[in-house]
Amino acid sequence: MGGKMALVASDMNRRFSSLWQGQQLAFTVLIITVAVAAAYYMIASGIENNRDEVPLNVVNKTDC
């Protein structure tokens, strides 16, 4: 099992290290950028939608 795991680890290391060279680097940066932008958009959309809700502990002064 040790020899097979070493081969798998070596293969995964080669594949991972190839992501940081040449055209693969550009593709990797593109994917990371799109993922981060989508996450920011989803978080910001959720915050913006929650602003419309009135908190339960706020008393309307016109009702007094």
N, C-alpha and C. Protein backbone atom coordinates (compact mmCIF):
# COMPACT_ATOMS: atom_id res chain seq x y z
N MET A 1 0.82 -1.18 0.00
CA MET A 1 0.00 0.00 0.00
C MET A 1 0.87 1.26 0.00
N GLY A 2 2.01 1.22 0.62
CA GLY A 2 2.88 2.39 0.69
C GLY A 2 3.37 2.83 -0.68
N GLY A 3 3.69 1.88 -1.55
CA GLY A 3 4.17 2.23 -2.88
C GLY A 3 3.08 2.84 -3.72
N LYS A 4 1.86 2.32 -3.62
CA LYS A 4 0.74 2.85 -4.40
C LYS A 4 0.38 4.25 -3.93
N MET A 5 0.40 4.46 -2.63
CA MET A 5 0.08 5.79 -2.10
C MET A 5 1.15 6.81 -2.51
N ALA A 6 2.39 6.38 -2.57
CA ALA A 6 3.46 7.28 -3.00
C ALA A 6 3.27 7.68 -4.46
N LEU A 7 2.84 6.73 -5.29
CA LEU A 7 2.58 7.04 -6.70
C LEU A 7 1.39 8.00 -6.84
N VAL A 8 0.35 7.77 -6.07
CA VAL A 8 -0.82 8.65 -6.12
C VAL A 8 -0.45 10.05 -5.64
N ALA A 9 0.31 10.13 -4.55
CA ALA A 9 0.73 11.43 -4.02
C ALA A 9 1.62 12.16 -5.03
N SER A 10 2.50 11.45 -5.67
CA SER A 10 3.38 12.05 -6.67
C SER A 10 2.58 12.57 -7.86
N ASP A 11 1.60 11.77 -8.30
CA ASP A 11 0.76 12.18 -9.42
C ASP A 11 -0.06 13.42 -9.05
N MET A 12 -0.64 13.44 -7.86
CA MET A 12 -1.41 14.60 -7.42
C MET A 12 -0.52 15.84 -7.28
N ASN A 13 0.70 15.65 -6.81
CA ASN A 13 1.63 16.77 -6.69
C ASN A 13 1.96 17.35 -8.06
N ARG A 14 2.19 16.48 -9.03
CA ARG A 14 2.48 16.96 -10.39
C ARG A 14 1.30 17.72 -10.97
N ARG A 15 0.10 17.19 -10.77
CA ARG A 15 -1.09 17.86 -11.31
C ARG A 15 -1.31 19.21 -10.63
N PHE A 16 -1.14 19.26 -9.31
CA PHE A 16 -1.32 20.51 -8.59
C PHE A 16 -0.27 21.54 -8.99
N SER A 17 0.97 21.12 -9.12
CA SER A 17 2.03 22.07 -9.47
C SER A 17 1.88 22.58 -10.90
N SER A 18 1.24 21.80 -11.77
CA SER A 18 1.04 22.26 -13.15
C SER A 18 0.00 23.38 -13.22
N LEU A 19 -0.83 23.53 -12.19
CA LEU A 19 -1.82 24.60 -12.19
C LEU A 19 -1.20 25.98 -12.06
N TRP A 20 0.04 26.06 -11.63
CA TRP A 20 0.68 27.33 -11.35
C TRP A 20 1.70 27.72 -12.41
N GLN A 21 1.52 27.21 -13.65
CA GLN A 21 2.45 27.52 -14.74
C GLN A 21 1.67 27.82 -16.01
N GLY A 22 2.08 28.83 -16.73
CA GLY A 22 1.58 29.13 -18.06
C GLY A 22 0.08 29.39 -18.13
N GLN A 23 -0.54 28.79 -19.16
CA GLN A 23 -1.95 29.00 -19.42
C GLN A 23 -2.82 28.42 -18.29
N GLN A 24 -2.37 27.35 -17.67
CA GLN A 24 -3.11 26.78 -16.55
C GLN A 24 -3.20 27.77 -15.38
N LEU A 25 -2.16 28.58 -15.21
CA LEU A 25 -2.17 29.60 -14.17
C LEU A 25 -3.28 30.61 -14.44
N ALA A 26 -3.40 31.05 -15.68
CA ALA A 26 -4.44 32.01 -16.03
C ALA A 26 -5.83 31.43 -15.77
N PHE A 27 -6.04 30.18 -16.12
CA PHE A 27 -7.32 29.52 -15.88
C PHE A 27 -7.60 29.37 -14.39
N THR A 28 -6.58 29.03 -13.62
CA THR A 28 -6.72 28.89 -12.17
C THR A 28 -7.09 30.23 -11.53
N VAL A 29 -6.43 31.30 -11.93
CA VAL A 29 -6.73 32.63 -11.40
C VAL A 29 -8.15 33.04 -11.80
N LEU A 30 -8.57 32.73 -13.01
CA LEU A 30 -9.92 33.04 -13.47
C LEU A 30 -10.96 32.35 -12.60
N ILE A 31 -10.78 31.06 -12.34
CA ILE A 31 -11.74 30.30 -11.54
C ILE A 31 -11.80 30.85 -10.11
N ILE A 32 -10.65 31.12 -9.52
CA ILE A 32 -10.62 31.65 -8.16
C ILE A 32 -11.29 33.03 -8.10
N THR A 33 -11.04 33.87 -9.09
CA THR A 33 -11.62 35.22 -9.12
C THR A 33 -13.14 35.15 -9.25
N VAL A 34 -13.64 34.30 -10.14
CA VAL A 34 -15.08 34.16 -10.33
C VAL A 34 -15.74 33.62 -9.06
N ALA A 35 -15.11 32.66 -8.41
CA ALA A 35 -15.67 32.09 -7.19
C ALA A 35 -15.73 33.13 -6.08
N VAL A 36 -14.68 33.92 -5.91
CA VAL A 36 -14.67 34.94 -4.86
C VAL A 36 -15.70 36.04 -5.17
N ALA A 37 -15.79 36.45 -6.44
CA ALA A 37 -16.76 37.48 -6.82
C ALA A 37 -18.19 36.99 -6.59
N ALA A 38 -18.46 35.74 -6.91
CA ALA A 38 -19.80 35.17 -6.70
C ALA A 38 -20.12 35.10 -5.21
N ALA A 39 -19.15 34.74 -4.40
CA ALA A 39 -19.37 34.68 -2.95
C ALA A 39 -19.66 36.08 -2.40
N TYR A 40 -18.89 37.08 -2.81
CA TYR A 40 -19.15 38.45 -2.36
C TYR A 40 -20.53 38.91 -2.79
N TYR A 41 -20.92 38.60 -4.02
CA TYR A 41 -22.23 39.01 -4.53
C TYR A 41 -23.36 38.37 -3.73
N MET A 42 -23.23 37.08 -3.43
CA MET A 42 -24.27 36.39 -2.66
C MET A 42 -24.36 36.93 -1.24
N ILE A 43 -23.22 37.21 -0.63
CA ILE A 43 -23.22 37.76 0.73
C ILE A 43 -23.83 39.16 0.72
N ALA A 44 -23.44 39.99 -0.24
CA ALA A 44 -23.96 41.35 -0.31
C ALA A 44 -25.45 41.36 -0.62
N SER A 45 -25.92 40.46 -1.45
CA SER A 45 -27.34 40.38 -1.77
C SER A 45 -28.14 40.00 -0.53
N GLY A 46 -27.62 39.09 0.26
CA GLY A 46 -28.30 38.68 1.48
C GLY A 46 -28.37 39.80 2.49
N ILE A 47 -27.32 40.59 2.60
CA ILE A 47 -27.31 41.72 3.53
C ILE A 47 -28.29 42.79 3.07
N GLU A 48 -28.33 43.07 1.79
CA GLU A 48 -29.21 44.09 1.24
C GLU A 48 -30.67 43.70 1.43
N ASN A 49 -31.01 42.44 1.24
CA ASN A 49 -32.39 41.98 1.39
C ASN A 49 -32.84 42.06 2.84
N ASN A 50 -31.95 41.89 3.79
CA ASN A 50 -32.31 41.92 5.20
C ASN A 50 -32.53 43.34 5.71
N ARG A 51 -32.09 44.34 5.00
CA ARG A 51 -32.27 45.72 5.43
C ARG A 51 -33.74 46.13 5.39
N ASP A 52 -34.53 45.54 4.50
CA ASP A 52 -35.92 45.91 4.35
C ASP A 52 -36.78 45.44 5.52
N GLU A 53 -36.32 44.47 6.26
CA GLU A 53 -37.08 43.94 7.38
C GLU A 53 -36.96 44.87 8.59
N VAL A 54 -38.06 45.07 9.29
CA VAL A 54 -38.06 45.91 10.48
C VAL A 54 -37.77 45.02 11.67
N PRO A 55 -36.81 45.39 12.50
CA PRO A 55 -36.52 44.59 13.68
C PRO A 55 -37.73 44.54 14.62
N LEU A 56 -37.89 43.45 15.32
CA LEU A 56 -39.05 43.27 16.20
C LEU A 56 -38.99 44.14 17.43
N ASN A 57 -37.84 44.57 17.86
CA ASN A 57 -37.72 45.36 19.09
C ASN A 57 -37.84 46.85 18.86
N VAL A 58 -38.11 47.30 17.63
CA VAL A 58 -38.26 48.72 17.34
C VAL A 58 -39.74 49.09 17.49
N VAL A 59 -40.00 50.10 18.29
CA VAL A 59 -41.37 50.57 18.51
C VAL A 59 -41.61 51.78 17.63
N ASN A 60 -42.74 51.76 16.93
CA ASN A 60 -43.09 52.89 16.08
C ASN A 60 -43.61 54.01 16.98
N LYS A 61 -42.99 55.19 16.92
CA LYS A 61 -43.35 56.29 17.83
C LYS A 61 -44.71 56.88 17.50
N THR A 62 -45.25 56.67 16.34
CA THR A 62 -46.57 57.20 15.99
C THR A 62 -47.68 56.40 16.63
N ASP A 63 -47.39 55.16 17.09
CA ASP A 63 -48.39 54.32 17.72
C ASP A 63 -48.59 54.66 19.19
N CYS A 64 -47.76 55.48 19.79
CA CYS A 64 -47.82 55.74 21.23
C CYS A 64 -48.96 56.63 21.58
